[in-house]
Amino acid sequence: EVQREVAAALCNISLEDDVRVETAQLCMYTLVDLAQSADVEVARQSVGALANLAEDIETHKYIAEQGGGRAMIALLRHNYLDIFREASRTIANLLTSFHHQAEIISDGLPGLIHLA
């Protein structure tokens, strides 16, 4: 229950443009960890927060440092459609950062093609 509330709070905070970088700096480890939770609601909210944060290119280095790109690629195999969609949105946002493209394309392209 606590993890659900934390994930929901971080998802809501991540909607605010002016605090995205600071949120990424302080909360990225927790978000990546929660995104891999067996609890579907915790994972969905956390992946949504990651997708929101990834809209700001300045957060990409924090996402990469905590393995967020690889975690999102792994979630492309998730059975729950909302998690799959949010992971795809995160990856799309991360692809705006040139230095992350090679890793995502090599590791995540099969999952993205599966979407089609």
PDB file of N, CA and C in Angstrom:
ATOM      1  N   GLU A   1       0.825  -1.202   0.000  1.00  0.00           N
ATOM      2  CA  GLU A   1       0.000   0.000   0.000  1.00  0.00           C
ATOM      3  C   GLU A   1       0.864   1.259   0.000  1.00  0.00           C
ATOM      4  N   VAL A   2       1.917   1.262   0.778  1.00  0.00           N
ATOM      5  CA  VAL A   2       2.804   2.425   0.832  1.00  0.00           C
ATOM      6  C   VAL A   2       3.477   2.645  -0.525  1.00  0.00           C
ATOM      7  N   GLN A   3       3.923   1.558  -1.157  1.00  0.00           N
ATOM      8  CA  GLN A   3       4.557   1.691  -2.465  1.00  0.00           C
ATOM      9  C   GLN A   3       3.589   2.261  -3.503  1.00  0.00           C
ATOM     10  N   ARG A   4       2.333   1.875  -3.427  1.00  0.00           N
ATOM     11  CA  ARG A   4       1.339   2.424  -4.349  1.00  0.00           C
ATOM     12  C   ARG A   4       1.203   3.930  -4.178  1.00  0.00           C
ATOM     13  N   GLU A   5       1.167   4.372  -2.941  1.00  0.00           N
ATOM     14  CA  GLU A   5       1.028   5.809  -2.668  1.00  0.00           C
ATOM     15  C   GLU A   5       2.270   6.578  -3.102  1.00  0.00           C
ATOM     16  N   VAL A   6       3.454   6.006  -2.859  1.00  0.00           N
ATOM     17  CA  VAL A   6       4.700   6.653  -3.277  1.00  0.00           C
ATOM     18  C   VAL A   6       4.739   6.758  -4.796  1.00  0.00           C
ATOM     19  N   ALA A   7       4.416   5.668  -5.484  1.00  0.00           N
ATOM     20  CA  ALA A   7       4.436   5.670  -6.951  1.00  0.00           C
ATOM     21  C   ALA A   7       3.436   6.683  -7.509  1.00  0.00           C
ATOM     22  N   ALA A   8       2.249   6.738  -6.924  1.00  0.00           N
ATOM     23  CA  ALA A   8       1.232   7.691  -7.382  1.00  0.00           C
ATOM     24  C   ALA A   8       1.682   9.128  -7.136  1.00  0.00           C
ATOM     25  N   ALA A   9       2.285   9.381  -5.983  1.00  0.00           N
ATOM     26  CA  ALA A   9       2.765  10.732  -5.679  1.00  0.00           C
ATOM     27  C   ALA A   9       3.867  11.155  -6.654  1.00  0.00           C
ATOM     28  N   LEU A  10       4.788  10.243  -6.941  1.00  0.00           N
ATOM     29  CA  LEU A  10       5.866  10.566  -7.876  1.00  0.00           C
ATOM     30  C   LEU A  10       5.331  10.774  -9.293  1.00  0.00           C
ATOM     31  N   CYS A  11       4.319  10.019  -9.659  1.00  0.00           N
ATOM     32  CA  CYS A  11       3.707  10.207 -10.972  1.00  0.00           C
ATOM     33  C   CYS A  11       3.067  11.594 -11.069  1.00  0.00           C
ATOM     34  N   ASN A  12       2.382  12.000 -10.021  1.00  0.00           N
ATOM     35  CA  ASN A  12       1.762  13.330 -10.009  1.00  0.00           C
ATOM     36  C   ASN A  12       2.810  14.439 -10.032  1.00  0.00           C
ATOM     37  N   ILE A  13       3.861  14.287  -9.245  1.00  0.00           N
ATOM     38  CA  ILE A  13       4.928  15.291  -9.202  1.00  0.00           C
ATOM     39  C   ILE A  13       5.596  15.418 -10.568  1.00  0.00           C
ATOM     40  N   SER A  14       5.757  14.283 -11.249  1.00  0.00           N
ATOM     41  CA  SER A  14       6.469  14.283 -12.534  1.00  0.00           C
ATOM     42  C   SER A  14       5.725  15.032 -13.635  1.00  0.00           C
ATOM     43  N   LEU A  15       4.486  15.393 -13.386  1.00  0.00           N
ATOM     44  CA  LEU A  15       3.711  16.156 -14.362  1.00  0.00           C
ATOM     45  C   LEU A  15       4.119  17.631 -14.403  1.00  0.00           C
ATOM     46  N   GLU A  16       4.791  18.083 -13.360  1.00  0.00           N
ATOM     47  CA  GLU A  16       5.203  19.490 -13.254  1.00  0.00           C
ATOM     48  C   GLU A  16       6.549  19.700 -13.942  1.00  0.00           C
ATOM     49  N   ASP A  17       6.547  20.473 -15.013  1.00  0.00           N
ATOM     50  CA  ASP A  17       7.768  20.709 -15.793  1.00  0.00           C
ATOM     51  C   ASP A  17       8.919  21.258 -14.956  1.00  0.00           C
ATOM     52  N   ASP A  18       8.628  22.172 -14.064  1.00  0.00           N
ATOM     53  CA  ASP A  18       9.693  22.881 -13.356  1.00  0.00           C
ATOM     54  C   ASP A  18      10.378  22.064 -12.258  1.00  0.00           C
ATOM     55  N   VAL A  19       9.899  20.867 -11.952  1.00  0.00           N
ATOM     56  CA  VAL A  19      10.561  20.048 -10.928  1.00  0.00           C
ATOM     57  C   VAL A  19      11.034  18.696 -11.472  1.00  0.00           C
ATOM     58  N   ARG A  20      10.959  18.508 -12.766  1.00  0.00           N
ATOM     59  CA  ARG A  20      11.327  17.209 -13.342  1.00  0.00           C
ATOM     60  C   ARG A  20      12.791  16.851 -13.120  1.00  0.00           C
ATOM     61  N   VAL A  21      13.688  17.789 -13.352  1.00  0.00           N
ATOM     62  CA  VAL A  21      15.117  17.478 -13.203  1.00  0.00           C
ATOM     63  C   VAL A  21      15.435  17.161 -11.743  1.00  0.00           C
ATOM     64  N   GLU A  22      14.942  17.962 -10.835  1.00  0.00           N
ATOM     65  CA  GLU A  22      15.189  17.720  -9.420  1.00  0.00           C
ATOM     66  C   GLU A  22      14.570  16.391  -8.973  1.00  0.00           C
ATOM     67  N   THR A  23      13.384  16.092  -9.454  1.00  0.00           N
ATOM     68  CA  THR A  23      12.743  14.813  -9.131  1.00  0.00           C
ATOM     69  C   THR A  23      13.586  13.657  -9.664  1.00  0.00           C
ATOM     70  N   ALA A  24      14.092  13.799 -10.874  1.00  0.00           N
ATOM     71  CA  ALA A  24      14.945  12.761 -11.461  1.00  0.00           C
ATOM     72  C   ALA A  24      16.215  12.577 -10.631  1.00  0.00           C
ATOM     73  N   GLN A  25      16.816  13.668 -10.214  1.00  0.00           N
ATOM     74  CA  GLN A  25      18.048  13.596  -9.414  1.00  0.00           C
ATOM     75  C   GLN A  25      17.812  12.856  -8.101  1.00  0.00           C
ATOM     76  N   LEU A  26      16.699  13.155  -7.459  1.00  0.00           N
ATOM     77  CA  LEU A  26      16.459  12.636  -6.113  1.00  0.00           C
ATOM     78  C   LEU A  26      15.749  11.286  -6.067  1.00  0.00           C
ATOM     79  N   CYS A  27      14.972  10.974  -7.083  1.00  0.00           N
ATOM     80  CA  CYS A  27      14.063   9.824  -6.986  1.00  0.00           C
ATOM     81  C   CYS A  27      14.274   8.737  -8.029  1.00  0.00           C
ATOM     82  N   MET A  28      15.268   8.865  -8.882  1.00  0.00           N
ATOM     83  CA  MET A  28      15.379   7.937 -10.001  1.00  0.00           C
ATOM     84  C   MET A  28      15.600   6.493  -9.563  1.00  0.00           C
ATOM     85  N   TYR A  29      16.460   6.272  -8.589  1.00  0.00           N
ATOM     86  CA  TYR A  29      16.689   4.903  -8.129  1.00  0.00           C
ATOM     87  C   TYR A  29      15.378   4.259  -7.685  1.00  0.00           C
ATOM     88  N   THR A  30      14.620   4.990  -6.900  1.00  0.00           N
ATOM     89  CA  THR A  30      13.346   4.486  -6.391  1.00  0.00           C
ATOM     90  C   THR A  30      12.362   4.236  -7.520  1.00  0.00           C
ATOM     91  N   LEU A  31      12.278   5.152  -8.474  1.00  0.00           N
ATOM     92  CA  LEU A  31      11.341   4.987  -9.592  1.00  0.00           C
ATOM     93  C   LEU A  31      11.666   3.764 -10.441  1.00  0.00           C
ATOM     94  N   VAL A  32      12.939   3.581 -10.764  1.00  0.00           N
ATOM     95  CA  VAL A  32      13.323   2.419 -11.573  1.00  0.00           C
ATOM     96  C   VAL A  32      13.038   1.134 -10.807  1.00  0.00           C
ATOM     97  N   ASP A  33      13.318   1.147  -9.526  1.00  0.00           N
ATOM     98  CA  ASP A  33      13.039  -0.033  -8.695  1.00  0.00           C
ATOM     99  C   ASP A  33      11.537  -0.319  -8.648  1.00  0.00           C
ATOM    100  N   LEU A  34      10.723   0.695  -8.385  1.00  0.00           N
ATOM    101  CA  LEU A  34       9.270   0.513  -8.308  1.00  0.00           C
ATOM    102  C   LEU A  34       8.669   0.128  -9.663  1.00  0.00           C
ATOM    103  N   ALA A  35       9.274   0.580 -10.745  1.00  0.00           N
ATOM    104  CA  ALA A  35       8.766   0.253 -12.083  1.00  0.00           C
ATOM    105  C   ALA A  35       8.846  -1.245 -12.361  1.00  0.00           C
ATOM    106  N   GLN A  36       9.696  -1.932 -11.645  1.00  0.00           N
ATOM    107  CA  GLN A  36       9.874  -3.368 -11.839  1.00  0.00           C
ATOM    108  C   GLN A  36       9.109  -4.188 -10.803  1.00  0.00           C
ATOM    109  N   SER A  37       8.221  -3.540 -10.082  1.00  0.00           N
ATOM    110  CA  SER A  37       7.440  -4.192  -9.030  1.00  0.00           C
ATOM    111  C   SER A  37       6.473  -5.222  -9.609  1.00  0.00           C
ATOM    112  N   ALA A  38       6.219  -6.256  -8.838  1.00  0.00           N
ATOM    113  CA  ALA A  38       5.222  -7.265  -9.217  1.00  0.00           C
ATOM    114  C   ALA A  38       3.802  -6.711  -9.067  1.00  0.00           C
ATOM    115  N   ASP A  39       3.635  -5.670  -8.271  1.00  0.00           N
ATOM    116  CA  ASP A  39       2.340  -5.023  -8.105  1.00  0.00           C
ATOM    117  C   ASP A  39       2.094  -4.151  -9.343  1.00  0.00           C
ATOM    118  N   VAL A  40       1.098  -4.499 -10.128  1.00  0.00           N
ATOM    119  CA  VAL A  40       0.839  -3.837 -11.413  1.00  0.00           C
ATOM    120  C   VAL A  40       0.576  -2.349 -11.234  1.00  0.00           C
ATOM    121  N   GLU A  41      -0.136  -1.958 -10.206  1.00  0.00           N
ATOM    122  CA  GLU A  41      -0.438  -0.538  -9.995  1.00  0.00           C
ATOM    123  C   GLU A  41       0.818   0.251  -9.645  1.00  0.00           C
ATOM    124  N   VAL A  42       1.669  -0.317  -8.813  1.00  0.00           N
ATOM    125  CA  VAL A  42       2.941   0.330  -8.466  1.00  0.00           C
ATOM    126  C   VAL A  42       3.784   0.503  -9.726  1.00  0.00           C
ATOM    127  N   ALA A  43       3.888  -0.551 -10.505  1.00  0.00           N
ATOM    128  CA  ALA A  43       4.685  -0.505 -11.732  1.00  0.00           C
ATOM    129  C   ALA A  43       4.104   0.512 -12.715  1.00  0.00           C
ATOM    130  N   ARG A  44       2.797   0.502 -12.904  1.00  0.00           N
ATOM    131  CA  ARG A  44       2.161   1.411 -13.861  1.00  0.00           C
ATOM    132  C   ARG A  44       2.404   2.869 -13.497  1.00  0.00           C
ATOM    133  N   GLN A  45       2.206   3.211 -12.250  1.00  0.00           N
ATOM    134  CA  GLN A  45       2.419   4.600 -11.809  1.00  0.00           C
ATOM    135  C   GLN A  45       3.885   5.001 -11.940  1.00  0.00           C
ATOM    136  N   SER A  46       4.790   4.095 -11.617  1.00  0.00           N
ATOM    137  CA  SER A  46       6.216   4.395 -11.676  1.00  0.00           C
ATOM    138  C   SER A  46       6.688   4.558 -13.114  1.00  0.00           C
ATOM    139  N   VAL A  47       6.223   3.682 -13.991  1.00  0.00           N
ATOM    140  CA  VAL A  47       6.610   3.792 -15.401  1.00  0.00           C
ATOM    141  C   VAL A  47       6.000   5.064 -15.999  1.00  0.00           C
ATOM    142  N   GLY A  48       4.802   5.412 -15.591  1.00  0.00           N
ATOM    143  CA  GLY A  48       4.202   6.671 -16.033  1.00  0.00           C
ATOM    144  C   GLY A  48       5.026   7.865 -15.588  1.00  0.00           C
ATOM    145  N   ALA A  49       5.518   7.816 -14.358  1.00  0.00           N
ATOM    146  CA  ALA A  49       6.379   8.897 -13.858  1.00  0.00           C
ATOM    147  C   ALA A  49       7.666   8.976 -14.669  1.00  0.00           C
ATOM    148  N   LEU A  50       8.247   7.831 -14.989  1.00  0.00           N
ATOM    149  CA  LEU A  50       9.467   7.816 -15.803  1.00  0.00           C
ATOM    150  C   LEU A  50       9.209   8.403 -17.187  1.00  0.00           C
ATOM    151  N   ALA A  51       8.078   8.056 -17.773  1.00  0.00           N
ATOM    152  CA  ALA A  51       7.727   8.602 -19.093  1.00  0.00           C
ATOM    153  C   ALA A  51       7.575  10.117 -19.016  1.00  0.00           C
ATOM    154  N   ASN A  52       6.927  10.596 -17.963  1.00  0.00           N
ATOM    155  CA  ASN A  52       6.762  12.048 -17.792  1.00  0.00           C
ATOM    156  C   ASN A  52       8.112  12.736 -17.618  1.00  0.00           C
ATOM    157  N   LEU A  53       8.961  12.162 -16.769  1.00  0.00           N
ATOM    158  CA  LEU A  53      10.274  12.761 -16.535  1.00  0.00           C
ATOM    159  C   LEU A  53      11.109  12.772 -17.808  1.00  0.00           C
ATOM    160  N   ALA A  54      10.997  11.717 -18.602  1.00  0.00           N
ATOM    161  CA  ALA A  54      11.791  11.601 -19.826  1.00  0.00           C
ATOM    162  C   ALA A  54      11.383  12.615 -20.891  1.00  0.00           C
ATOM    163  N   GLU A  55      10.282  13.311 -20.685  1.00  0.00           N
ATOM    164  CA  GLU A  55       9.899  14.385 -21.608  1.00  0.00           C
ATOM    165  C   GLU A  55      10.908  15.526 -21.570  1.00  0.00           C
ATOM    166  N   ASP A  56      11.649  15.633 -20.473  1.00  0.00           N
ATOM    167  CA  ASP A  56      12.692  16.654 -20.330  1.00  0.00           C
ATOM    168  C   ASP A  56      14.039  15.992 -20.593  1.00  0.00           C
ATOM    169  N   ILE A  57      14.714  16.403 -21.641  1.00  0.00           N
ATOM    170  CA  ILE A  57      15.983  15.784 -22.036  1.00  0.00           C
ATOM    171  C   ILE A  57      17.036  15.856 -20.932  1.00  0.00           C
ATOM    172  N   GLU A  58      16.919  16.831 -20.037  1.00  0.00           N
ATOM    173  CA  GLU A  58      17.879  16.973 -18.946  1.00  0.00           C
ATOM    174  C   GLU A  58      17.772  15.834 -17.924  1.00  0.00           C
ATOM    175  N   THR A  59      16.699  15.080 -17.952  1.00  0.00           N
ATOM    176  CA  THR A  59      16.542  13.961 -17.011  1.00  0.00           C
ATOM    177  C   THR A  59      17.137  12.665 -17.552  1.00  0.00           C
ATOM    178  N   HIS A  60      17.456  12.631 -18.827  1.00  0.00           N
ATOM    179  CA  HIS A  60      17.887  11.385 -19.457  1.00  0.00           C
ATOM    180  C   HIS A  60      19.137  10.795 -18.825  1.00  0.00           C
ATOM    181  N   LYS A  61      20.076  11.634 -18.415  1.00  0.00           N
ATOM    182  CA  LYS A  61      21.295  11.097 -17.812  1.00  0.00           C
ATOM    183  C   LYS A  61      20.993  10.403 -16.485  1.00  0.00           C
ATOM    184  N   TYR A  62      20.032  10.898 -15.739  1.00  0.00           N
ATOM    185  CA  TYR A  62      19.671  10.271 -14.466  1.00  0.00           C
ATOM    186  C   TYR A  62      18.949   8.945 -14.700  1.00  0.00           C
ATOM    187  N   ILE A  63      18.125   8.916 -15.727  1.00  0.00           N
ATOM    188  CA  ILE A  63      17.434   7.677 -16.082  1.00  0.00           C
ATOM    189  C   ILE A  63      18.461   6.632 -16.513  1.00  0.00           C
ATOM    190  N   ALA A  64      19.418   7.034 -17.335  1.00  0.00           N
ATOM    191  CA  ALA A  64      20.449   6.106 -17.812  1.00  0.00           C
ATOM    192  C   ALA A  64      21.336   5.610 -16.671  1.00  0.00           C
ATOM    193  N   GLU A  65      21.714   6.499 -15.772  1.00  0.00           N
ATOM    194  CA  GLU A  65      22.590   6.122 -14.654  1.00  0.00           C
ATOM    195  C   GLU A  65      21.985   5.034 -13.785  1.00  0.00           C
ATOM    196  N   GLN A  66      20.677   5.008 -13.680  1.00  0.00           N
ATOM    197  CA  GLN A  66      20.000   4.011 -12.833  1.00  0.00           C
ATOM    198  C   GLN A  66      19.469   2.819 -13.634  1.00  0.00           C
ATOM    199  N   GLY A  67      19.843   2.722 -14.900  1.00  0.00           N
ATOM    200  CA  GLY A  67      19.410   1.584 -15.712  1.00  0.00           C
ATOM    201  C   GLY A  67      17.965   1.667 -16.156  1.00  0.00           C
ATOM    202  N   GLY A  68      17.428   2.872 -16.188  1.00  0.00           N
ATOM    203  CA  GLY A  68      16.026   3.049 -16.559  1.00  0.00           C
ATOM    204  C   GLY A  68      15.711   2.639 -17.986  1.00  0.00           C
ATOM    205  N   GLY A  69      16.625   2.902 -18.908  1.00  0.00           N
ATOM    206  CA  GLY A  69      16.405   2.514 -20.301  1.00  0.00           C
ATOM    207  C   GLY A  69      16.274   1.002 -20.440  1.00  0.00           C
ATOM    208  N   ARG A  70      17.198   0.293 -19.829  1.00  0.00           N
ATOM    209  CA  ARG A  70      17.151  -1.183 -19.885  1.00  0.00           C
ATOM    210  C   ARG A  70      15.911  -1.723 -19.177  1.00  0.00           C
ATOM    211  N   ALA A  71      15.539  -1.090 -18.082  1.00  0.00           N
ATOM    212  CA  ALA A  71      14.328  -1.525 -17.364  1.00  0.00           C
ATOM    213  C   ALA A  71      13.095  -1.339 -18.244  1.00  0.00           C
ATOM    214  N   MET A  72      13.038  -0.221 -18.984  1.00  0.00           N
ATOM    215  CA  MET A  72      11.892   0.018 -19.866  1.00  0.00           C
ATOM    216  C   MET A  72      11.886  -0.974 -21.024  1.00  0.00           C
ATOM    217  N   ILE A  73      13.053  -1.293 -21.542  1.00  0.00           N
ATOM    218  CA  ILE A  73      13.138  -2.293 -22.608  1.00  0.00           C
ATOM    219  C   ILE A  73      12.605  -3.633 -22.105  1.00  0.00           C
ATOM    220  N   ALA A  74      12.971  -4.008 -20.896  1.00  0.00           N
ATOM    221  CA  ALA A  74      12.477  -5.263 -20.317  1.00  0.00           C
ATOM    222  C   ALA A  74      10.957  -5.233 -20.155  1.00  0.00           C
ATOM    223  N   LEU A  75      10.411  -4.068 -19.838  1.00  0.00           N
ATOM    224  CA  LEU A  75       8.963  -3.964 -19.642  1.00  0.00           C
ATOM    225  C   LEU A  75       8.181  -4.013 -20.952  1.00  0.00           C
ATOM    226  N   LEU A  76       8.868  -3.939 -22.080  1.00  0.00           N
ATOM    227  CA  LEU A  76       8.175  -4.101 -23.364  1.00  0.00           C
ATOM    228  C   LEU A  76       7.632  -5.520 -23.519  1.00  0.00           C
ATOM    229  N   ARG A  77       8.061  -6.399 -22.641  1.00  0.00           N
ATOM    230  CA  ARG A  77       7.564  -7.781 -22.651  1.00  0.00           C
ATOM    231  C   ARG A  77       6.454  -8.004 -21.616  1.00  0.00           C
ATOM    232  N   HIS A  78       6.031  -6.923 -20.974  1.00  0.00           N
ATOM    233  CA  HIS A  78       5.029  -7.030 -19.910  1.00  0.00           C
ATOM    234  C   HIS A  78       3.665  -7.384 -20.485  1.00  0.00           C
ATOM    235  N   ASN A  79       2.917  -8.165 -19.753  1.00  0.00           N
ATOM    236  CA  ASN A  79       1.585  -8.593 -20.196  1.00  0.00           C
ATOM    237  C   ASN A  79       0.514  -7.530 -19.998  1.00  0.00           C
ATOM    238  N   TYR A  80       0.754  -6.594 -19.118  1.00  0.00           N
ATOM    239  CA  TYR A  80      -0.241  -5.573 -18.802  1.00  0.00           C
ATOM    240  C   TYR A  80      -0.089  -4.411 -19.777  1.00  0.00           C
ATOM    241  N   LEU A  81      -1.103  -4.146 -20.558  1.00  0.00           N
ATOM    242  CA  LEU A  81      -1.035  -3.194 -21.656  1.00  0.00           C
ATOM    243  C   LEU A  81      -0.641  -1.787 -21.209  1.00  0.00           C
ATOM    244  N   ASP A  82      -1.158  -1.308 -20.085  1.00  0.00           N
ATOM    245  CA  ASP A  82      -0.836   0.048 -19.633  1.00  0.00           C
ATOM    246  C   ASP A  82       0.652   0.198 -19.307  1.00  0.00           C
ATOM    247  N   ILE A  83       1.253  -0.823 -18.735  1.00  0.00           N
ATOM    248  CA  ILE A  83       2.687  -0.779 -18.441  1.00  0.00           C
ATOM    249  C   ILE A  83       3.470  -0.806 -19.743  1.00  0.00           C
ATOM    250  N   PHE A  84       3.055  -1.648 -20.654  1.00  0.00           N
ATOM    251  CA  PHE A  84       3.677  -1.749 -21.973  1.00  0.00           C
ATOM    252  C   PHE A  84       3.629  -0.396 -22.683  1.00  0.00           C
ATOM    253  N   ARG A  85       2.487   0.270 -22.642  1.00  0.00           N
ATOM    254  CA  ARG A  85       2.343   1.584 -23.292  1.00  0.00           C
ATOM    255  C   ARG A  85       3.235   2.644 -22.660  1.00  0.00           C
ATOM    256  N   GLU A  86       3.251   2.687 -21.336  1.00  0.00           N
ATOM    257  CA  GLU A  86       4.061   3.696 -20.647  1.00  0.00           C
ATOM    258  C   GLU A  86       5.551   3.443 -20.853  1.00  0.00           C
ATOM    259  N   ALA A  87       5.955   2.176 -20.879  1.00  0.00           N
ATOM    260  CA  ALA A  87       7.360   1.852 -21.160  1.00  0.00           C
ATOM    261  C   ALA A  87       7.717   2.296 -22.575  1.00  0.00           C
ATOM    262  N   SER A  88       6.811   2.079 -23.515  1.00  0.00           N
ATOM    263  CA  SER A  88       7.030   2.514 -24.900  1.00  0.00           C
ATOM    264  C   SER A  88       7.131   4.034 -24.984  1.00  0.00           C
ATOM    265  N   ARG A  89       6.293   4.739 -24.221  1.00  0.00           N
ATOM    266  CA  ARG A  89       6.329   6.202 -24.206  1.00  0.00           C
ATOM    267  C   ARG A  89       7.641   6.698 -23.607  1.00  0.00           C
ATOM    268  N   THR A  90       8.105   6.024 -22.559  1.00  0.00           N
ATOM    269  CA  THR A  90       9.391   6.397 -21.961  1.00  0.00           C
ATOM    270  C   THR A  90      10.511   6.238 -22.976  1.00  0.00           C
ATOM    271  N   ILE A  91      10.511   5.109 -23.673  1.00  0.00           N
ATOM    272  CA  ILE A  91      11.548   4.855 -24.674  1.00  0.00           C
ATOM    273  C   ILE A  91      11.485   5.899 -25.787  1.00  0.00           C
ATOM    274  N   ALA A  92      10.293   6.212 -26.238  1.00  0.00           N
ATOM    275  CA  ALA A  92      10.156   7.237 -27.285  1.00  0.00           C
ATOM    276  C   ALA A  92      10.737   8.564 -26.812  1.00  0.00           C
ATOM    277  N   ASN A  93      10.475   8.928 -25.571  1.00  0.00           N
ATOM    278  CA  ASN A  93      11.019  10.173 -25.028  1.00  0.00           C
ATOM    279  C   ASN A  93      12.538  10.102 -24.904  1.00  0.00           C
ATOM    280  N   LEU A  94      13.060   8.949 -24.503  1.00  0.00           N
ATOM    281  CA  LEU A  94      14.509   8.801 -24.373  1.00  0.00           C
ATOM    282  C   LEU A  94      15.211   8.854 -25.727  1.00  0.00           C
ATOM    283  N   LEU A  95      14.525   8.463 -26.772  1.00  0.00           N
ATOM    284  CA  LEU A  95      15.122   8.480 -28.103  1.00  0.00           C
ATOM    285  C   LEU A  95      15.383   9.899 -28.616  1.00  0.00           C
ATOM    286  N   THR A  96      14.839  10.906 -27.949  1.00  0.00           N
ATOM    287  CA  THR A  96      15.128  12.286 -28.332  1.00  0.00           C
ATOM    288  C   THR A  96      16.537  12.686 -27.918  1.00  0.00           C
ATOM    289  N   SER A  97      17.158  11.863 -27.109  1.00  0.00           N
ATOM    290  CA  SER A  97      18.515  12.099 -26.645  1.00  0.00           C
ATOM    291  C   SER A  97      19.456  11.231 -27.485  1.00  0.00           C
ATOM    292  N   PHE A  98      20.240  11.860 -28.335  1.00  0.00           N
ATOM    293  CA  PHE A  98      21.039  11.144 -29.323  1.00  0.00           C
ATOM    294  C   PHE A  98      21.934  10.075 -28.703  1.00  0.00           C
ATOM    295  N   HIS A  99      22.558  10.351 -27.566  1.00  0.00           N
ATOM    296  CA  HIS A  99      23.515   9.401 -27.004  1.00  0.00           C
ATOM    297  C   HIS A  99      22.857   8.166 -26.392  1.00  0.00           C
ATOM    298  N   HIS A 100      21.550   8.106 -26.325  1.00  0.00           N
ATOM    299  CA  HIS A 100      20.868   6.908 -25.826  1.00  0.00           C
ATOM    300  C   HIS A 100      20.269   6.070 -26.949  1.00  0.00           C
ATOM    301  N   GLN A 101      20.315   6.574 -28.149  1.00  0.00           N
ATOM    302  CA  GLN A 101      19.647   5.891 -29.258  1.00  0.00           C
ATOM    303  C   GLN A 101      20.233   4.522 -29.562  1.00  0.00           C
ATOM    304  N   ALA A 102      21.540   4.387 -29.598  1.00  0.00           N
ATOM    305  CA  ALA A 102      22.164   3.118 -29.980  1.00  0.00           C
ATOM    306  C   ALA A 102      21.767   1.994 -29.033  1.00  0.00           C
ATOM    307  N   GLU A 103      21.822   2.248 -27.730  1.00  0.00           N
ATOM    308  CA  GLU A 103      21.466   1.230 -26.748  1.00  0.00           C
ATOM    309  C   GLU A 103      20.003   0.830 -26.872  1.00  0.00           C
ATOM    310  N   ILE A 104      19.141   1.796 -27.004  1.00  0.00           N
ATOM    311  CA  ILE A 104      17.715   1.511 -27.075  1.00  0.00           C
ATOM    312  C   ILE A 104      17.372   0.792 -28.376  1.00  0.00           C
ATOM    313  N   ILE A 105      17.971   1.222 -29.465  1.00  0.00           N
ATOM    314  CA  ILE A 105      17.680   0.574 -30.747  1.00  0.00           C
ATOM    315  C   ILE A 105      18.186  -0.860 -30.741  1.00  0.00           C
ATOM    316  N   SER A 106      19.389  -1.089 -30.249  1.00  0.00           N
ATOM    317  CA  SER A 106      19.934  -2.445 -30.275  1.00  0.00           C
ATOM    318  C   SER A 106      19.201  -3.380 -29.320  1.00  0.00           C
ATOM    319  N   ASP A 107      18.822  -2.880 -28.168  1.00  0.00           N
ATOM    320  CA  ASP A 107      18.175  -3.737 -27.178  1.00  0.00           C
ATOM    321  C   ASP A 107      16.654  -3.711 -27.240  1.00  0.00           C
ATOM    322  N   GLY A 108      16.081  -2.610 -27.693  1.00  0.00           N
ATOM    323  CA  GLY A 108      14.637  -2.457 -27.609  1.00  0.00           C
ATOM    324  C   GLY A 108      13.877  -2.503 -28.905  1.00  0.00           C
ATOM    325  N   LEU A 109      14.568  -2.469 -30.039  1.00  0.00           N
ATOM    326  CA  LEU A 109      13.879  -2.448 -31.326  1.00  0.00           C
ATOM    327  C   LEU A 109      12.950  -3.639 -31.532  1.00  0.00           C
ATOM    328  N   PRO A 110      13.358  -4.853 -31.171  1.00  0.00           N
ATOM    329  CA  PRO A 110      12.426  -5.979 -31.337  1.00  0.00           C
ATOM    330  C   PRO A 110      11.101  -5.780 -30.590  1.00  0.00           C
ATOM    331  N   GLY A 111      11.178  -5.229 -29.377  1.00  0.00           N
ATOM    332  CA  GLY A 111       9.958  -4.978 -28.607  1.00  0.00           C
ATOM    333  C   GLY A 111       9.093  -3.900 -29.233  1.00  0.00           C
ATOM    334  N   LEU A 112       9.740  -2.883 -29.779  1.00  0.00           N
ATOM    335  CA  LEU A 112       8.985  -1.805 -30.427  1.00  0.00           C
ATOM    336  C   LEU A 112       8.321  -2.303 -31.706  1.00  0.00           C
ATOM    337  N   ILE A 113       9.019  -3.156 -32.438  1.00  0.00           N
ATOM    338  CA  ILE A 113       8.436  -3.730 -33.662  1.00  0.00           C
ATOM    339  C   ILE A 113       7.241  -4.596 -33.314  1.00  0.00           C
ATOM    340  N   HIS A 114       7.331  -5.270 -32.189  1.00  0.00           N
ATOM    341  CA  HIS A 114       6.233  -6.108 -31.716  1.00  0.00           C
ATOM    342  C   HIS A 114       4.960  -5.291 -31.518  1.00  0.00           C
ATOM    343  N   LEU A 115       5.112  -4.005 -31.205  1.00  0.00           N
ATOM    344  CA  LEU A 115       3.957  -3.116 -31.043  1.00  0.00           C
ATOM    345  C   LEU A 115       3.135  -2.990 -32.297  1.00  0.00           C
ATOM    346  N   ALA A 116       3.816  -3.026 -33.436  1.00  0.00           N
ATOM    347  CA  ALA A 116       3.149  -2.815 -34.724  1.00  0.00           C
ATOM    348  C   ALA A 116       2.347  -3.985 -35.106  1.00  0.00           C
TER     349      ALA A 116
END
